[in-house]
PDB file of N, CA and C in Angstrom:
ATOM      1  N   MET A   1      31.895   3.559  -9.557  1.00  0.00           N
ATOM      2  CA  MET A   1      31.123   3.514  -8.832  1.00  0.00           C
ATOM      3  C   MET A   1      28.966   3.639 -10.406  1.00  0.00           C
ATOM      4  N   ASN A   2      28.545   3.443 -10.276  1.00  0.00           N
ATOM      5  CA  ASN A   2      27.335   3.321 -11.212  1.00  0.00           C
ATOM      6  C   ASN A   2      26.746   4.237 -11.004  1.00  0.00           C
ATOM      7  N   ASP A   3      25.253   4.788 -11.922  1.00  0.00           N
ATOM      8  CA  ASP A   3      24.259   5.398 -11.145  1.00  0.00           C
ATOM      9  C   ASP A   3      23.463   4.572 -10.743  1.00  0.00           C
ATOM     10  N   TYR A   4      23.476   3.381 -10.954  1.00  0.00           N
ATOM     11  CA  TYR A   4      22.155   2.117 -11.085  1.00  0.00           C
ATOM     12  C   TYR A   4      22.149   2.111  -9.528  1.00  0.00           C
ATOM     13  N   SER A   5      23.331   2.549  -8.813  1.00  0.00           N
ATOM     14  CA  SER A   5      23.285   2.059  -7.229  1.00  0.00           C
ATOM     15  C   SER A   5      22.945   2.817  -6.162  1.00  0.00           C
ATOM     16  N   ALA A   6      22.306   4.506  -6.415  1.00  0.00           N
ATOM     17  CA  ALA A   6      21.858   4.638  -5.443  1.00  0.00           C
ATOM     18  C   ALA A   6      19.884   4.718  -5.930  1.00  0.00           C
ATOM     19  N   PRO A   7      19.335   4.259  -4.869  1.00  0.00           N
ATOM     20  CA  PRO A   7      17.721   4.247  -5.300  1.00  0.00           C
ATOM     21  C   PRO A   7      16.872   5.581  -5.778  1.00  0.00           C
ATOM     22  N   VAL A   8      16.192   5.326  -6.659  1.00  0.00           N
ATOM     23  CA  VAL A   8      15.025   6.393  -7.106  1.00  0.00           C
ATOM     24  C   VAL A   8      14.499   7.235  -6.039  1.00  0.00           C
ATOM     25  N   LYS A   9      14.101   6.227  -5.204  1.00  0.00           N
ATOM     26  CA  LYS A   9      12.694   7.293  -3.588  1.00  0.00           C
ATOM     27  C   LYS A   9      13.577   6.197  -2.440  1.00  0.00           C
ATOM     28  N   VAL A  10      13.162   6.658  -1.572  1.00  0.00           N
ATOM     29  CA  VAL A  10      13.024   5.644  -0.351  1.00  0.00           C
ATOM     30  C   VAL A  10      11.722   6.330   0.292  1.00  0.00           C
ATOM     31  N   ILE A  11      11.420   5.400   1.079  1.00  0.00           N
ATOM     32  CA  ILE A  11       9.578   5.072   1.523  1.00  0.00           C
ATOM     33  C   ILE A  11      10.182   5.183   2.906  1.00  0.00           C
ATOM     34  N   GLU A  12      10.460   6.155   3.306  1.00  0.00           N
ATOM     35  CA  GLU A  12      10.240   6.210   5.390  1.00  0.00           C
ATOM     36  C   GLU A  12       8.928   6.035   6.573  1.00  0.00           C
ATOM     37  N   ASN A  13       7.753   5.734   6.004  1.00  0.00           N
ATOM     38  CA  ASN A  13       6.274   5.741   5.835  1.00  0.00           C
ATOM     39  C   ASN A  13       6.054   4.962   7.352  1.00  0.00           C
ATOM     40  N   LEU A  14       6.710   3.815   6.877  1.00  0.00           N
ATOM     41  CA  LEU A  14       6.839   2.658   8.344  1.00  0.00           C
ATOM     42  C   LEU A  14       8.470   2.575   8.402  1.00  0.00           C
ATOM     43  N   THR A  15       7.958   2.257   9.785  1.00  0.00           N
ATOM     44  CA  THR A  15       9.312   1.454  10.789  1.00  0.00           C
ATOM     45  C   THR A  15       9.645   0.140  10.928  1.00  0.00           C
ATOM     46  N   THR A  16       8.721  -0.026  10.438  1.00  0.00           N
ATOM     47  CA  THR A  16       8.951  -1.795  10.813  1.00  0.00           C
ATOM     48  C   THR A  16       8.797  -2.798   9.748  1.00  0.00           C
ATOM     49  N   ASN A  17       9.024  -4.243   9.771  1.00  0.00           N
ATOM     50  CA  ASN A  17       9.104  -5.171   8.631  1.00  0.00           C
ATOM     51  C   ASN A  17       7.812  -4.922   7.842  1.00  0.00           C
ATOM     52  N   ILE A  18       8.252  -5.086   6.374  1.00  0.00           N
ATOM     53  CA  ILE A  18       7.082  -4.655   5.832  1.00  0.00           C
ATOM     54  C   ILE A  18       6.864  -6.132   4.711  1.00  0.00           C
ATOM     55  N   ASP A  19       5.601  -6.618   5.255  1.00  0.00           N
ATOM     56  CA  ASP A  19       5.205  -7.715   5.133  1.00  0.00           C
ATOM     57  C   ASP A  19       4.367  -8.125   2.818  1.00  0.00           C
ATOM     58  N   SER A  20       3.938  -7.147   3.400  1.00  0.00           N
ATOM     59  CA  SER A  20       3.251  -7.225   1.833  1.00  0.00           C
ATOM     60  C   SER A  20       3.476  -6.163   1.175  1.00  0.00           C
ATOM     61  N   LEU A  21       3.625  -6.144  -0.379  1.00  0.00           N
ATOM     62  CA  LEU A  21       4.226  -5.287  -1.391  1.00  0.00           C
ATOM     63  C   LEU A  21       2.540  -5.953  -2.527  1.00  0.00           C
ATOM     64  N   THR A  22       2.075  -4.837  -3.419  1.00  0.00           N
ATOM     65  CA  THR A  22       0.904  -4.858  -4.532  1.00  0.00           C
ATOM     66  C   THR A  22       0.852  -4.237  -4.897  1.00  0.00           C
ATOM     67  N   PHE A  23       0.808  -3.870  -6.080  1.00  0.00           N
ATOM     68  CA  PHE A  23       1.272  -2.985  -7.461  1.00  0.00           C
ATOM     69  C   PHE A  23      -0.451  -3.141  -8.318  1.00  0.00           C
ATOM     70  N   ASN A  24      -0.854  -2.189  -7.875  1.00  0.00           N
ATOM     71  CA  ASN A  24      -2.735  -2.540  -8.784  1.00  0.00           C
ATOM     72  C   ASN A  24      -2.385  -2.237 -10.113  1.00  0.00           C
ATOM     73  N   PRO A  25      -2.975  -3.055 -10.879  1.00  0.00           N
ATOM     74  CA  PRO A  25      -3.461  -3.407 -11.921  1.00  0.00           C
ATOM     75  C   PRO A  25      -2.911  -2.812 -13.203  1.00  0.00           C
ATOM     76  N   ALA A  26      -2.961  -1.433 -12.902  1.00  0.00           N
ATOM     77  CA  ALA A  26      -1.806  -0.253 -14.222  1.00  0.00           C
ATOM     78  C   ALA A  26      -0.613  -0.127 -13.692  1.00  0.00           C
ATOM     79  N   GLY A  27      -0.156  -1.072 -12.599  1.00  0.00           N
ATOM     80  CA  GLY A  27       1.409  -0.415 -12.180  1.00  0.00           C
ATOM     81  C   GLY A  27       1.239   0.625 -11.373  1.00  0.00           C
ATOM     82  N   GLU A  28       0.084   1.429 -11.160  1.00  0.00           N
ATOM     83  CA  GLU A  28       0.326   2.816 -10.906  1.00  0.00           C
ATOM     84  C   GLU A  28       0.569   3.224  -9.192  1.00  0.00           C
ATOM     85  N   ILE A  29      -0.012   2.546  -8.446  1.00  0.00           N
ATOM     86  CA  ILE A  29       0.633   2.316  -7.095  1.00  0.00           C
ATOM     87  C   ILE A  29       0.404   1.345  -6.503  1.00  0.00           C
ATOM     88  N   LEU A  30       1.394   1.668  -6.040  1.00  0.00           N
ATOM     89  CA  LEU A  30       2.020  -0.029  -5.051  1.00  0.00           C
ATOM     90  C   LEU A  30       1.794   0.657  -3.464  1.00  0.00           C
ATOM     91  N   GLY A  31       0.894  -0.898  -2.790  1.00  0.00           N
ATOM     92  CA  GLY A  31       0.276  -0.620  -1.505  1.00  0.00           C
ATOM     93  C   GLY A  31       1.285  -1.819  -0.907  1.00  0.00           C
ATOM     94  N   ILE A  32       1.469  -1.094   0.291  1.00  0.00           N
ATOM     95  CA  ILE A  32       2.433  -1.686   0.821  1.00  0.00           C
ATOM     96  C   ILE A  32       2.136  -2.342   3.133  1.00  0.00           C
ATOM     97  N   GLY A  33       2.141  -2.942   2.753  1.00  0.00           N
ATOM     98  CA  GLY A  33       1.662  -3.392   4.608  1.00  0.00           C
ATOM     99  C   GLY A  33       2.698  -3.664   5.226  1.00  0.00           C
ATOM    100  N   SER A  34       2.173  -3.464   6.637  1.00  0.00           N
ATOM    101  CA  SER A  34       3.178  -3.980   7.795  1.00  0.00           C
ATOM    102  C   SER A  34       1.770  -4.505   8.956  1.00  0.00           C
ATOM    103  N   ARG A  35       2.828  -6.096   9.424  1.00  0.00           N
ATOM    104  CA  ARG A  35       1.501  -6.691   9.806  1.00  0.00           C
ATOM    105  C   ARG A  35       1.870  -5.851  11.337  1.00  0.00           C
ATOM    106  N   TRP A  36       2.952  -4.983  11.920  1.00  0.00           N
ATOM    107  CA  TRP A  36       4.153  -5.213  12.847  1.00  0.00           C
ATOM    108  C   TRP A  36       3.644  -4.015  13.558  1.00  0.00           C
ATOM    109  N   LYS A  37       1.967  -2.788  12.943  1.00  0.00           N
ATOM    110  CA  LYS A  37       2.262  -1.384  12.905  1.00  0.00           C
ATOM    111  C   LYS A  37       0.800  -1.006  12.685  1.00  0.00           C
ATOM    112  N   ALA A  38       0.344  -0.719  13.803  1.00  0.00           N
ATOM    113  CA  ALA A  38      -1.458  -0.176  13.828  1.00  0.00           C
ATOM    114  C   ALA A  38      -1.587   0.656  12.631  1.00  0.00           C
ATOM    115  N   ASN A  39      -2.297   0.219  12.180  1.00  0.00           N
ATOM    116  CA  ASN A  39      -2.577   0.896  10.816  1.00  0.00           C
ATOM    117  C   ASN A  39      -1.558   1.155   9.827  1.00  0.00           C
ATOM    118  N   GLY A  40      -0.930   0.239   9.829  1.00  0.00           N
ATOM    119  CA  GLY A  40       0.675  -0.479   9.217  1.00  0.00           C
ATOM    120  C   GLY A  40       0.359  -0.232   7.177  1.00  0.00           C
ATOM    121  N   ALA A  41      -0.665   0.350   6.936  1.00  0.00           N
ATOM    122  CA  ALA A  41      -0.300   0.009   5.189  1.00  0.00           C
ATOM    123  C   ALA A  41      -0.575   1.553   4.934  1.00  0.00           C
ATOM    124  N   ARG A  42       0.138   1.759   3.650  1.00  0.00           N
ATOM    125  CA  ARG A  42       0.284   2.533   2.951  1.00  0.00           C
ATOM    126  C   ARG A  42      -0.522   2.487   1.335  1.00  0.00           C
ATOM    127  N   LEU A  43       0.424   4.337   0.691  1.00  0.00           N
ATOM    128  CA  LEU A  43      -0.665   3.755  -0.567  1.00  0.00           C
ATOM    129  C   LEU A  43       0.698   4.743  -0.982  1.00  0.00           C
ATOM    130  N   TYR A  44       2.180   4.215  -2.297  1.00  0.00           N
ATOM    131  CA  TYR A  44       2.762   4.585  -2.825  1.00  0.00           C
ATOM    132  C   TYR A  44       2.111   5.009  -4.541  1.00  0.00           C
ATOM    133  N   HIS A  45       2.447   6.439  -4.624  1.00  0.00           N
ATOM    134  CA  HIS A  45       2.062   6.389  -6.334  1.00  0.00           C
ATOM    135  C   HIS A  45       3.157   6.892  -6.690  1.00  0.00           C
ATOM    136  N   CYS A  46       3.393   5.851  -8.245  1.00  0.00           N
ATOM    137  CA  CYS A  46       4.993   5.583  -8.944  1.00  0.00           C
ATOM    138  C   CYS A  46       4.822   6.686  -9.277  1.00  0.00           C
ATOM    139  N   GLY A  47       4.383   7.583 -10.096  1.00  0.00           N
ATOM    140  CA  GLY A  47       3.788   8.843 -10.968  1.00  0.00           C
ATOM    141  C   GLY A  47       4.658  10.020  -9.761  1.00  0.00           C
ATOM    142  N   ALA A  48       4.078   9.866  -9.338  1.00  0.00           N
ATOM    143  CA  ALA A  48       4.534  11.108  -8.461  1.00  0.00           C
ATOM    144  C   ALA A  48       5.569  11.403  -7.870  1.00  0.00           C
ATOM    145  N   LYS A  49       5.700   9.839  -6.993  1.00  0.00           N
ATOM    146  CA  LYS A  49       6.740   9.729  -6.021  1.00  0.00           C
ATOM    147  C   LYS A  49       5.952   9.858  -4.293  1.00  0.00           C
ATOM    148  N   THR A  50       4.967   9.634  -3.924  1.00  0.00           N
ATOM    149  CA  THR A  50       4.994  10.021  -2.745  1.00  0.00           C
ATOM    150  C   THR A  50       3.828   9.176  -1.872  1.00  0.00           C
ATOM    151  N   VAL A  51       3.353   9.106  -1.052  1.00  0.00           N
ATOM    152  CA  VAL A  51       3.034   8.232   0.251  1.00  0.00           C
ATOM    153  C   VAL A  51       1.856   9.394  -0.008  1.00  0.00           C
ATOM    154  N   PHE A  52       0.144   8.296  -0.425  1.00  0.00           N
ATOM    155  CA  PHE A  52      -0.787   9.150  -0.255  1.00  0.00           C
ATOM    156  C   PHE A  52      -1.225   9.589   1.383  1.00  0.00           C
ATOM    157  N   ALA A  53      -1.285  11.155   2.078  1.00  0.00           N
ATOM    158  CA  ALA A  53      -0.644  11.126   3.426  1.00  0.00           C
ATOM    159  C   ALA A  53      -2.652  11.290   4.087  1.00  0.00           C
ATOM    160  N   ASN A  54      -3.475  11.571   3.969  1.00  0.00           N
ATOM    161  CA  ASN A  54      -4.757  10.708   4.227  1.00  0.00           C
ATOM    162  C   ASN A  54      -5.045   9.581   4.304  1.00  0.00           C
ATOM    163  N   TRP A  55      -3.949   8.361   4.147  1.00  0.00           N
ATOM    164  CA  TRP A  55      -4.873   7.548   4.125  1.00  0.00           C
ATOM    165  C   TRP A  55      -3.469   6.427   4.799  1.00  0.00           C
ATOM    166  N   PRO A  56      -4.597   5.192   5.583  1.00  0.00           N
ATOM    167  CA  PRO A  56      -5.696   5.417   6.083  1.00  0.00           C
ATOM    168  C   PRO A  56      -6.217   5.454   6.632  1.00  0.00           C
ATOM    169  N   SER A  57      -7.410   6.057   7.214  1.00  0.00           N
ATOM    170  CA  SER A  57      -7.605   7.017   7.648  1.00  0.00           C
ATOM    171  C   SER A  57      -8.119   6.405   9.026  1.00  0.00           C
ATOM    172  N   GLY A  58      -7.457   5.552   9.510  1.00  0.00           N
ATOM    173  CA  GLY A  58      -7.862   4.669  10.766  1.00  0.00           C
ATOM    174  C   GLY A  58      -8.880   3.267  10.933  1.00  0.00           C
ATOM    175  N   GLY A  59      -8.863   2.608  12.158  1.00  0.00           N
ATOM    176  CA  GLY A  59      -9.834   1.926  12.182  1.00  0.00           C
ATOM    177  C   GLY A  59      -9.159   0.331  11.826  1.00  0.00           C
ATOM    178  N   LEU A  60      -7.762   0.295  10.899  1.00  0.00           N
ATOM    179  CA  LEU A  60      -7.618  -0.747  10.560  1.00  0.00           C
ATOM    180  C   LEU A  60      -7.015  -2.176  11.396  1.00  0.00           C
ATOM    181  N   ALA A  61      -6.493  -1.815  12.475  1.00  0.00           N
ATOM    182  CA  ALA A  61      -5.830  -2.753  13.027  1.00  0.00           C
ATOM    183  C   ALA A  61      -3.743  -2.817  12.137  1.00  0.00           C
ATOM    184  N   TYR A  62      -4.010  -4.597  12.796  1.00  0.00           N
ATOM    185  CA  TYR A  62      -2.574  -4.878  12.044  1.00  0.00           C
ATOM    186  C   TYR A  62      -3.157  -5.099  10.467  1.00  0.00           C
ATOM    187  N   PRO A  63      -2.435  -4.991   9.590  1.00  0.00           N
ATOM    188  CA  PRO A  63      -2.533  -5.382   8.498  1.00  0.00           C
ATOM    189  C   PRO A  63      -1.927  -6.799   8.139  1.00  0.00           C
ATOM    190  N   THR A  64      -2.856  -7.756   7.596  1.00  0.00           N
ATOM    191  CA  THR A  64      -1.988  -9.261   6.887  1.00  0.00           C
ATOM    192  C   THR A  64      -2.336  -9.434   5.818  1.00  0.00           C
ATOM    193  N   ALA A  65      -3.239  -8.959   4.608  1.00  0.00           N
ATOM    194  CA  ALA A  65      -2.926  -9.298   3.843  1.00  0.00           C
ATOM    195  C   ALA A  65      -3.703  -7.958   3.050  1.00  0.00           C
ATOM    196  N   MET A  66      -3.074  -8.331   2.027  1.00  0.00           N
ATOM    197  CA  MET A  66      -3.557  -6.765   0.974  1.00  0.00           C
ATOM    198  C   MET A  66      -3.431  -7.337  -0.995  1.00  0.00           C
ATOM    199  N   SER A  67      -4.652  -6.708  -0.994  1.00  0.00           N
ATOM    200  CA  SER A  67      -4.960  -7.291  -2.848  1.00  0.00           C
ATOM    201  C   SER A  67      -5.733  -6.664  -3.052  1.00  0.00           C
ATOM    202  N   TRP A  68      -5.823  -5.993  -4.901  1.00  0.00           N
ATOM    203  CA  TRP A  68      -6.626  -5.884  -5.887  1.00  0.00           C
ATOM    204  C   TRP A  68      -7.081  -6.610  -6.137  1.00  0.00           C
ATOM    205  N   SER A  69      -8.389  -5.492  -7.035  1.00  0.00           N
ATOM    206  CA  SER A  69      -9.756  -6.561  -7.533  1.00  0.00           C
ATOM    207  C   SER A  69      -8.332  -6.566  -8.724  1.00  0.00           C
ATOM    208  N   ALA A  70      -9.208  -7.323 -10.027  1.00  0.00           N
ATOM    209  CA  ALA A  70      -8.796  -7.589 -10.813  1.00  0.00           C
ATOM    210  C   ALA A  70      -8.969  -5.954 -11.722  1.00  0.00           C
ATOM    211  N   ASP A  71      -9.062  -5.345 -11.470  1.00  0.00           N
ATOM    212  CA  ASP A  71      -9.921  -4.156 -12.841  1.00  0.00           C
ATOM    213  C   ASP A  71      -9.389  -3.001 -11.744  1.00  0.00           C
ATOM    214  N   GLY A  72      -8.766  -3.221 -10.312  1.00  0.00           N
ATOM    215  CA  GLY A  72      -8.274  -1.580  -9.863  1.00  0.00           C
ATOM    216  C   GLY A  72      -8.800  -1.070  -9.203  1.00  0.00           C
ATOM    217  N   ASP A  73     -10.565  -1.766  -9.367  1.00  0.00           N
ATOM    218  CA  ASP A  73     -11.413  -0.417  -8.685  1.00  0.00           C
ATOM    219  C   ASP A  73     -11.305  -0.464  -6.803  1.00  0.00           C
ATOM    220  N   LEU A  74     -10.930  -1.923  -6.798  1.00  0.00           N
ATOM    221  CA  LEU A  74     -11.061  -2.259  -4.915  1.00  0.00           C
ATOM    222  C   LEU A  74      -9.981  -2.414  -4.289  1.00  0.00           C
ATOM    223  N   LEU A  75      -9.366  -1.670  -3.134  1.00  0.00           N
ATOM    224  CA  LEU A  75      -7.987  -2.297  -3.023  1.00  0.00           C
ATOM    225  C   LEU A  75      -8.724  -4.180  -1.451  1.00  0.00           C
ATOM    226  N   ALA A  76      -8.718  -4.195  -0.807  1.00  0.00           N
ATOM    227  CA  ALA A  76      -9.080  -4.911  -0.036  1.00  0.00           C
ATOM    228  C   ALA A  76      -7.971  -5.709   1.169  1.00  0.00           C
ATOM    229  N   LEU A  77      -8.158  -5.627   2.076  1.00  0.00           N
ATOM    230  CA  LEU A  77      -7.201  -5.202   3.318  1.00  0.00           C
ATOM    231  C   LEU A  77      -7.474  -6.253   4.929  1.00  0.00           C
ATOM    232  N   GLY A  78      -6.781  -6.891   4.979  1.00  0.00           N
ATOM    233  CA  GLY A  78      -6.988  -7.801   5.587  1.00  0.00           C
ATOM    234  C   GLY A  78      -6.430  -7.856   6.696  1.00  0.00           C
ATOM    235  N   ASN A  79      -7.084  -7.856   8.460  1.00  0.00           N
ATOM    236  CA  ASN A  79      -6.698  -7.511   9.446  1.00  0.00           C
ATOM    237  C   ASN A  79      -6.261  -8.588  10.237  1.00  0.00           C
ATOM    238  N   ASP A  80      -5.643  -8.612  11.922  1.00  0.00           N
ATOM    239  CA  ASP A  80      -5.339  -9.189  12.406  1.00  0.00           C
ATOM    240  C   ASP A  80      -6.582  -9.492  12.813  1.00  0.00           C
ATOM    241  N   GLU A  81      -7.217  -9.118  12.471  1.00  0.00           N
ATOM    242  CA  GLU A  81      -8.809  -9.844  13.256  1.00  0.00           C
ATOM    243  C   GLU A  81      -9.569  -9.925  13.040  1.00  0.00           C
ATOM    244  N   GLY A  82      -9.422 -10.837  11.617  1.00  0.00           N
ATOM    245  CA  GLY A  82     -10.515 -11.321  10.992  1.00  0.00           C
ATOM    246  C   GLY A  82     -11.172 -10.487  10.396  1.00  0.00           C
ATOM    247  N   ASN A  83     -11.407  -9.626  10.305  1.00  0.00           N
ATOM    248  CA  ASN A  83     -12.187  -8.180   9.241  1.00  0.00           C
ATOM    249  C   ASN A  83     -11.602  -8.033   8.111  1.00  0.00           C
ATOM    250  N   VAL A  84     -12.035  -7.972   6.993  1.00  0.00           N
ATOM    251  CA  VAL A  84     -11.290  -7.482   5.358  1.00  0.00           C
ATOM    252  C   VAL A  84     -12.057  -5.531   5.046  1.00  0.00           C
ATOM    253  N   HIS A  85     -11.097  -4.763   5.050  1.00  0.00           N
ATOM    254  CA  HIS A  85     -11.429  -2.928   4.340  1.00  0.00           C
ATOM    255  C   HIS A  85     -11.330  -3.253   3.572  1.00  0.00           C
ATOM    256  N   LEU A  86     -12.402  -2.995   2.223  1.00  0.00           N
ATOM    257  CA  LEU A  86     -12.733  -2.233   1.539  1.00  0.00           C
ATOM    258  C   LEU A  86     -12.803  -1.620   0.531  1.00  0.00           C
ATOM    259  N   TYR A  87     -11.938  -1.271   0.431  1.00  0.00           N
ATOM    260  CA  TYR A  87     -12.107   0.340  -0.660  1.00  0.00           C
ATOM    261  C   TYR A  87     -12.168   0.837  -1.723  1.00  0.00           C
ATOM    262  N   ASP A  88     -12.811   1.608  -2.046  1.00  0.00           N
ATOM    263  CA  ASP A  88     -12.655   2.134  -3.515  1.00  0.00           C
ATOM    264  C   ASP A  88     -12.362   2.652  -3.867  1.00  0.00           C
ATOM    265  N   MET A  89     -11.411   2.408  -4.895  1.00  0.00           N
ATOM    266  CA  MET A  89      -9.965   3.327  -5.511  1.00  0.00           C
ATOM    267  C   MET A  89     -10.023   3.476  -6.788  1.00  0.00           C
ATOM    268  N   ASN A  90     -11.773   3.798  -6.852  1.00  0.00           N
ATOM    269  CA  ASN A  90     -12.580   3.955  -8.636  1.00  0.00           C
ATOM    270  C   ASN A  90     -11.729   4.508  -9.768  1.00  0.00           C
ATOM    271  N   TYR A  91     -11.093   5.863  -8.373  1.00  0.00           N
ATOM    272  CA  TYR A  91     -10.190   7.226  -9.251  1.00  0.00           C
ATOM    273  C   TYR A  91      -8.750   5.898 -10.073  1.00  0.00           C
ATOM    274  N   TYR A  92      -8.453   5.132  -9.896  1.00  0.00           N
ATOM    275  CA  TYR A  92      -6.911   4.480 -10.251  1.00  0.00           C
ATOM    276  C   TYR A  92      -7.363   3.493 -10.845  1.00  0.00           C
ATOM    277  N   LYS A  93      -9.208   2.917 -11.491  1.00  0.00           N
ATOM    278  CA  LYS A  93      -9.511   1.422 -11.711  1.00  0.00           C
ATOM    279  C   LYS A  93      -8.731   1.646 -13.014  1.00  0.00           C
ATOM    280  N   SER A  94      -7.719   0.185 -14.036  1.00  0.00           N
ATOM    281  CA  SER A  94      -7.370   0.661 -15.493  1.00  0.00           C
ATOM    282  C   SER A  94      -8.264   0.462 -16.336  1.00  0.00           C
TER     283      SER A  94
END
């Protein structure tokens, strides 16, 4: 068996099906979303190999869509109620 068969990191913060995966433009953050769980969105920092513990803070409902702005300073999350939450991610702007 080769060394490539083992995953580098397993993200177990969401236990439901994942519907959306999107990297920010710099490739530093991976957005993960599951429409099957309330507040079912997570941000994974690829360099540190950690999930942001304090995000989202609540009120998101069931996320159905996720997208970054072209320069990575904004993250939009749509939900099952037809609302879009816009998060300022200026710290991670590319």
